[in-house]
């Protein structure tokens, strides 16, 4: 299943120097929870094929208790390729792998 969305790039408060994410919309997160149920990897992660702009990559999305949604990590190489930074709004997609 594929989910397309827009969201703001933000830094993870616990590791501001390393990690940036974009949150999936609540409705997409709710659908993912229903699909994966108890079949997730460690920490509730779900493998996905993702894209930000024209850049495609494989990663995992993670549940974030503070945002009450899944979040997509955006690594430095992707941010640089797309010319985006913290606070920018990006167009992204995730396709669940193995489900």
N, C-alpha and C. Protein backbone atom coordinates (compact mmCIF):
# COMPACT_ATOMS: atom_id res chain seq x y z
N UNK A 1 0.85 -1.18 0.00
CA UNK A 1 0.00 0.00 0.00
C UNK A 1 0.89 1.24 0.00
N UNK A 2 0.49 2.23 -0.77
CA UNK A 2 1.27 3.47 -0.93
C UNK A 2 0.52 4.64 -0.31
N UNK A 3 1.28 5.51 0.35
CA UNK A 3 0.73 6.71 0.97
C UNK A 3 1.54 7.91 0.48
N UNK A 4 0.86 8.93 -0.04
CA UNK A 4 1.50 10.17 -0.47
C UNK A 4 1.05 11.29 0.45
N UNK A 5 1.98 12.18 0.78
CA UNK A 5 1.66 13.23 1.74
C UNK A 5 2.68 14.36 1.65
N UNK A 6 2.35 15.48 2.26
CA UNK A 6 3.27 16.60 2.44
C UNK A 6 3.45 16.80 3.93
N UNK A 7 4.64 17.23 4.31
CA UNK A 7 4.89 17.48 5.72
C UNK A 7 6.14 18.32 5.92
N UNK A 8 6.27 18.86 7.11
CA UNK A 8 7.41 19.71 7.45
C UNK A 8 8.55 18.88 8.01
N UNK A 9 9.75 19.13 7.52
CA UNK A 9 10.95 18.46 8.01
C UNK A 9 11.29 19.05 9.39
N UNK A 10 11.52 18.17 10.37
CA UNK A 10 11.87 18.64 11.71
C UNK A 10 13.00 17.79 12.28
N UNK A 11 13.70 18.34 13.26
CA UNK A 11 14.78 17.61 13.94
C UNK A 11 14.20 16.90 15.16
N UNK A 12 14.70 15.69 15.39
CA UNK A 12 14.31 14.92 16.57
C UNK A 12 14.95 15.57 17.78
N UNK A 13 14.17 15.90 18.78
CA UNK A 13 14.65 16.63 19.95
C UNK A 13 15.76 15.89 20.69
N UNK A 14 15.71 14.56 20.72
CA UNK A 14 16.70 13.79 21.48
C UNK A 14 18.07 13.78 20.81
N UNK A 15 18.13 13.88 19.49
CA UNK A 15 19.40 13.83 18.76
C UNK A 15 19.40 14.87 17.65
N UNK A 16 19.31 16.13 18.02
CA UNK A 16 19.16 17.21 17.04
C UNK A 16 20.28 17.26 16.02
N UNK A 17 21.48 16.81 16.40
CA UNK A 17 22.60 16.89 15.47
C UNK A 17 22.55 15.83 14.38
N UNK A 18 21.71 14.81 14.55
CA UNK A 18 21.75 13.68 13.63
C UNK A 18 20.47 13.40 12.86
N UNK A 19 19.32 13.48 13.49
CA UNK A 19 18.11 12.91 12.92
C UNK A 19 17.09 13.95 12.51
N UNK A 20 16.59 13.83 11.27
CA UNK A 20 15.48 14.66 10.81
C UNK A 20 14.38 13.74 10.29
N UNK A 21 13.15 14.20 10.43
CA UNK A 21 11.99 13.39 10.09
C UNK A 21 10.91 14.25 9.45
N UNK A 22 9.94 13.57 8.84
CA UNK A 22 8.68 14.18 8.45
C UNK A 22 7.59 13.23 8.95
N UNK A 23 6.56 13.79 9.58
CA UNK A 23 5.48 12.96 10.14
C UNK A 23 4.46 12.62 9.06
N UNK A 24 4.01 11.38 9.08
CA UNK A 24 2.92 10.98 8.20
C UNK A 24 1.61 11.53 8.77
N UNK A 25 0.63 11.79 7.92
CA UNK A 25 -0.67 12.27 8.41
C UNK A 25 -1.32 11.22 9.32
N UNK A 26 -2.18 11.70 10.21
CA UNK A 26 -2.85 10.81 11.15
C UNK A 26 -3.62 9.70 10.45
N UNK A 27 -4.34 10.03 9.38
CA UNK A 27 -5.14 9.00 8.71
C UNK A 27 -4.25 7.92 8.09
N UNK A 28 -3.11 8.30 7.53
CA UNK A 28 -2.18 7.31 6.98
C UNK A 28 -1.61 6.45 8.10
N UNK A 29 -1.23 7.07 9.20
CA UNK A 29 -0.69 6.32 10.34
C UNK A 29 -1.71 5.33 10.88
N UNK A 30 -2.96 5.76 10.98
CA UNK A 30 -4.02 4.86 11.46
C UNK A 30 -4.20 3.67 10.52
N UNK A 31 -4.14 3.91 9.22
CA UNK A 31 -4.27 2.82 8.25
C UNK A 31 -3.09 1.85 8.36
N UNK A 32 -1.89 2.39 8.55
CA UNK A 32 -0.71 1.54 8.67
C UNK A 32 -0.81 0.67 9.91
N UNK A 33 -1.23 1.25 11.03
CA UNK A 33 -1.41 0.46 12.26
C UNK A 33 -2.36 -0.69 12.00
N UNK A 34 -3.46 -0.43 11.31
CA UNK A 34 -4.45 -1.48 11.03
C UNK A 34 -3.87 -2.56 10.11
N UNK A 35 -3.02 -2.18 9.18
CA UNK A 35 -2.44 -3.15 8.25
C UNK A 35 -1.39 -4.02 8.92
N UNK A 36 -0.48 -3.40 9.65
CA UNK A 36 0.66 -4.15 10.19
C UNK A 36 0.35 -4.84 11.51
N UNK A 37 -0.65 -4.37 12.22
CA UNK A 37 -1.05 -4.92 13.51
C UNK A 37 0.17 -5.22 14.36
N UNK A 38 0.40 -6.49 14.71
CA UNK A 38 1.53 -6.86 15.57
C UNK A 38 2.71 -7.42 14.78
N UNK A 39 2.74 -7.19 13.47
CA UNK A 39 3.78 -7.77 12.63
C UNK A 39 4.90 -6.78 12.33
N UNK A 40 5.22 -5.90 13.25
CA UNK A 40 6.26 -4.90 13.01
C UNK A 40 7.61 -5.40 13.50
N UNK A 41 8.66 -4.73 13.03
CA UNK A 41 10.01 -5.01 13.50
C UNK A 41 10.23 -4.28 14.82
N UNK A 42 11.46 -4.30 15.34
CA UNK A 42 11.78 -3.65 16.61
C UNK A 42 11.28 -2.22 16.68
N UNK A 43 10.82 -1.81 17.83
CA UNK A 43 10.30 -0.47 18.11
C UNK A 43 9.08 -0.12 17.27
N UNK A 44 8.44 -1.11 16.69
CA UNK A 44 7.27 -0.85 15.87
C UNK A 44 7.59 -0.36 14.48
N UNK A 45 8.84 -0.50 14.07
CA UNK A 45 9.24 -0.01 12.75
C UNK A 45 8.63 -0.84 11.63
N UNK A 46 8.43 -0.20 10.49
CA UNK A 46 7.85 -0.84 9.31
C UNK A 46 8.73 -0.48 8.11
N UNK A 47 9.21 -1.49 7.38
CA UNK A 47 10.05 -1.23 6.21
C UNK A 47 9.21 -0.62 5.09
N UNK A 48 9.80 0.39 4.43
CA UNK A 48 9.10 1.07 3.34
C UNK A 48 10.07 1.41 2.21
N UNK A 49 9.53 1.51 1.02
CA UNK A 49 10.20 2.20 -0.08
C UNK A 49 9.65 3.62 -0.03
N UNK A 50 10.55 4.60 0.03
CA UNK A 50 10.13 5.98 0.25
C UNK A 50 10.65 6.89 -0.86
N UNK A 51 10.02 8.04 -0.97
CA UNK A 51 10.53 9.09 -1.84
C UNK A 51 10.28 10.43 -1.18
N UNK A 52 11.22 11.32 -1.39
CA UNK A 52 11.08 12.73 -1.05
C UNK A 52 11.44 13.47 -2.32
N UNK A 53 10.47 14.18 -2.87
CA UNK A 53 10.69 14.79 -4.18
C UNK A 53 10.99 13.69 -5.19
N UNK A 54 12.09 13.82 -5.92
CA UNK A 54 12.47 12.82 -6.92
C UNK A 54 13.42 11.76 -6.38
N UNK A 55 13.82 11.88 -5.11
CA UNK A 55 14.79 10.95 -4.52
C UNK A 55 14.07 9.77 -3.89
N UNK A 56 14.47 8.57 -4.31
CA UNK A 56 13.87 7.33 -3.79
C UNK A 56 14.87 6.60 -2.91
N UNK A 57 14.37 5.94 -1.86
CA UNK A 57 15.25 5.21 -0.96
C UNK A 57 14.43 4.21 -0.16
N UNK A 58 15.12 3.23 0.42
CA UNK A 58 14.48 2.25 1.30
C UNK A 58 14.89 2.57 2.73
N UNK A 59 13.92 2.54 3.62
CA UNK A 59 14.17 2.85 5.03
C UNK A 59 13.06 2.20 5.85
N UNK A 60 12.93 2.60 7.08
CA UNK A 60 11.82 2.18 7.93
C UNK A 60 11.16 3.41 8.53
N UNK A 61 9.85 3.33 8.69
CA UNK A 61 9.13 4.38 9.42
C UNK A 61 8.94 3.89 10.85
N UNK A 62 8.80 4.83 11.77
CA UNK A 62 8.72 4.51 13.19
C UNK A 62 7.54 5.22 13.83
N UNK A 63 6.90 4.58 14.81
CA UNK A 63 5.85 5.29 15.54
C UNK A 63 6.48 6.32 16.48
N UNK A 64 5.90 7.48 16.55
CA UNK A 64 6.36 8.55 17.43
C UNK A 64 5.23 8.88 18.40
N UNK A 65 5.46 8.62 19.66
CA UNK A 65 4.41 8.84 20.67
C UNK A 65 4.02 10.31 20.78
N UNK A 66 5.01 11.20 20.71
CA UNK A 66 4.72 12.63 20.85
C UNK A 66 3.83 13.14 19.72
N UNK A 67 4.08 12.69 18.50
CA UNK A 67 3.30 13.13 17.35
C UNK A 67 2.08 12.25 17.11
N UNK A 68 2.02 11.12 17.80
CA UNK A 68 0.92 10.15 17.65
C UNK A 68 0.75 9.75 16.19
N UNK A 69 1.88 9.55 15.52
CA UNK A 69 1.86 9.12 14.12
C UNK A 69 3.18 8.42 13.79
N UNK A 70 3.22 7.82 12.61
CA UNK A 70 4.49 7.30 12.12
C UNK A 70 5.30 8.46 11.57
N UNK A 71 6.64 8.32 11.63
CA UNK A 71 7.53 9.34 11.09
C UNK A 71 8.51 8.70 10.12
N UNK A 72 8.85 9.46 9.09
CA UNK A 72 9.78 9.02 8.05
C UNK A 72 11.11 9.74 8.27
N UNK A 73 12.21 8.98 8.50
CA UNK A 73 13.51 9.64 8.64
C UNK A 73 14.00 10.15 7.28
N UNK A 74 14.55 11.36 7.29
CA UNK A 74 15.08 11.97 6.08
C UNK A 74 16.58 12.18 6.29
N UNK A 75 17.39 11.28 5.70
CA UNK A 75 18.83 11.37 5.92
C UNK A 75 19.44 12.54 5.15
N UNK A 76 20.66 12.89 5.55
CA UNK A 76 21.36 14.04 5.00
C UNK A 76 21.47 13.97 3.48
N UNK A 77 21.81 12.80 2.93
CA UNK A 77 21.97 12.67 1.48
C UNK A 77 20.68 13.02 0.74
N UNK A 78 19.54 12.64 1.31
CA UNK A 78 18.25 12.96 0.69
C UNK A 78 17.98 14.46 0.79
N UNK A 79 18.21 15.04 1.96
CA UNK A 79 18.00 16.48 2.13
C UNK A 79 18.87 17.28 1.16
N UNK A 80 20.13 16.86 1.02
CA UNK A 80 21.04 17.56 0.10
C UNK A 80 20.60 17.40 -1.35
N UNK A 81 20.21 16.18 -1.74
CA UNK A 81 19.78 15.92 -3.12
C UNK A 81 18.55 16.75 -3.48
N UNK A 82 17.67 16.97 -2.50
CA UNK A 82 16.43 17.70 -2.75
C UNK A 82 16.51 19.18 -2.38
N UNK A 83 17.63 19.58 -1.77
CA UNK A 83 17.79 20.98 -1.40
C UNK A 83 16.82 21.42 -0.32
N UNK A 84 16.54 20.54 0.63
CA UNK A 84 15.60 20.88 1.71
C UNK A 84 16.29 20.84 3.06
N UNK A 85 15.73 21.57 4.00
CA UNK A 85 16.26 21.60 5.35
C UNK A 85 15.14 21.62 6.37
N UNK A 86 15.53 21.71 7.61
CA UNK A 86 14.58 21.75 8.71
C UNK A 86 13.64 22.94 8.51
N UNK A 87 12.35 22.69 8.66
CA UNK A 87 11.34 23.73 8.50
C UNK A 87 10.72 23.78 7.12
N UNK A 88 11.36 23.13 6.15
CA UNK A 88 10.80 23.08 4.79
C UNK A 88 9.69 22.05 4.71
N UNK A 89 8.73 22.30 3.84
CA UNK A 89 7.67 21.34 3.57
C UNK A 89 8.08 20.52 2.35
N UNK A 90 7.97 19.19 2.47
CA UNK A 90 8.34 18.29 1.38
C UNK A 90 7.15 17.46 0.96
N UNK A 91 7.19 17.02 -0.27
CA UNK A 91 6.21 16.05 -0.79
C UNK A 91 6.89 14.70 -0.70
N UNK A 92 6.25 13.74 -0.04
CA UNK A 92 6.85 12.44 0.20
C UNK A 92 5.85 11.32 -0.06
N UNK A 93 6.39 10.12 -0.17
CA UNK A 93 5.53 8.94 -0.26
C UNK A 93 6.23 7.78 0.41
N UNK A 94 5.43 6.85 0.90
CA UNK A 94 5.95 5.59 1.44
C UNK A 94 5.08 4.45 0.91
N UNK A 95 5.74 3.36 0.55
CA UNK A 95 5.06 2.14 0.14
C UNK A 95 5.51 1.05 1.09
N UNK A 96 4.56 0.40 1.75
CA UNK A 96 4.89 -0.64 2.71
C UNK A 96 5.57 -1.81 2.00
N UNK A 97 6.62 -2.34 2.62
CA UNK A 97 7.34 -3.50 2.10
C UNK A 97 6.95 -4.70 2.96
N UNK A 98 6.73 -5.82 2.35
CA UNK A 98 6.40 -7.08 3.05
C UNK A 98 4.97 -7.14 3.57
N UNK A 99 4.10 -6.24 3.17
CA UNK A 99 2.71 -6.28 3.63
C UNK A 99 1.79 -6.24 2.44
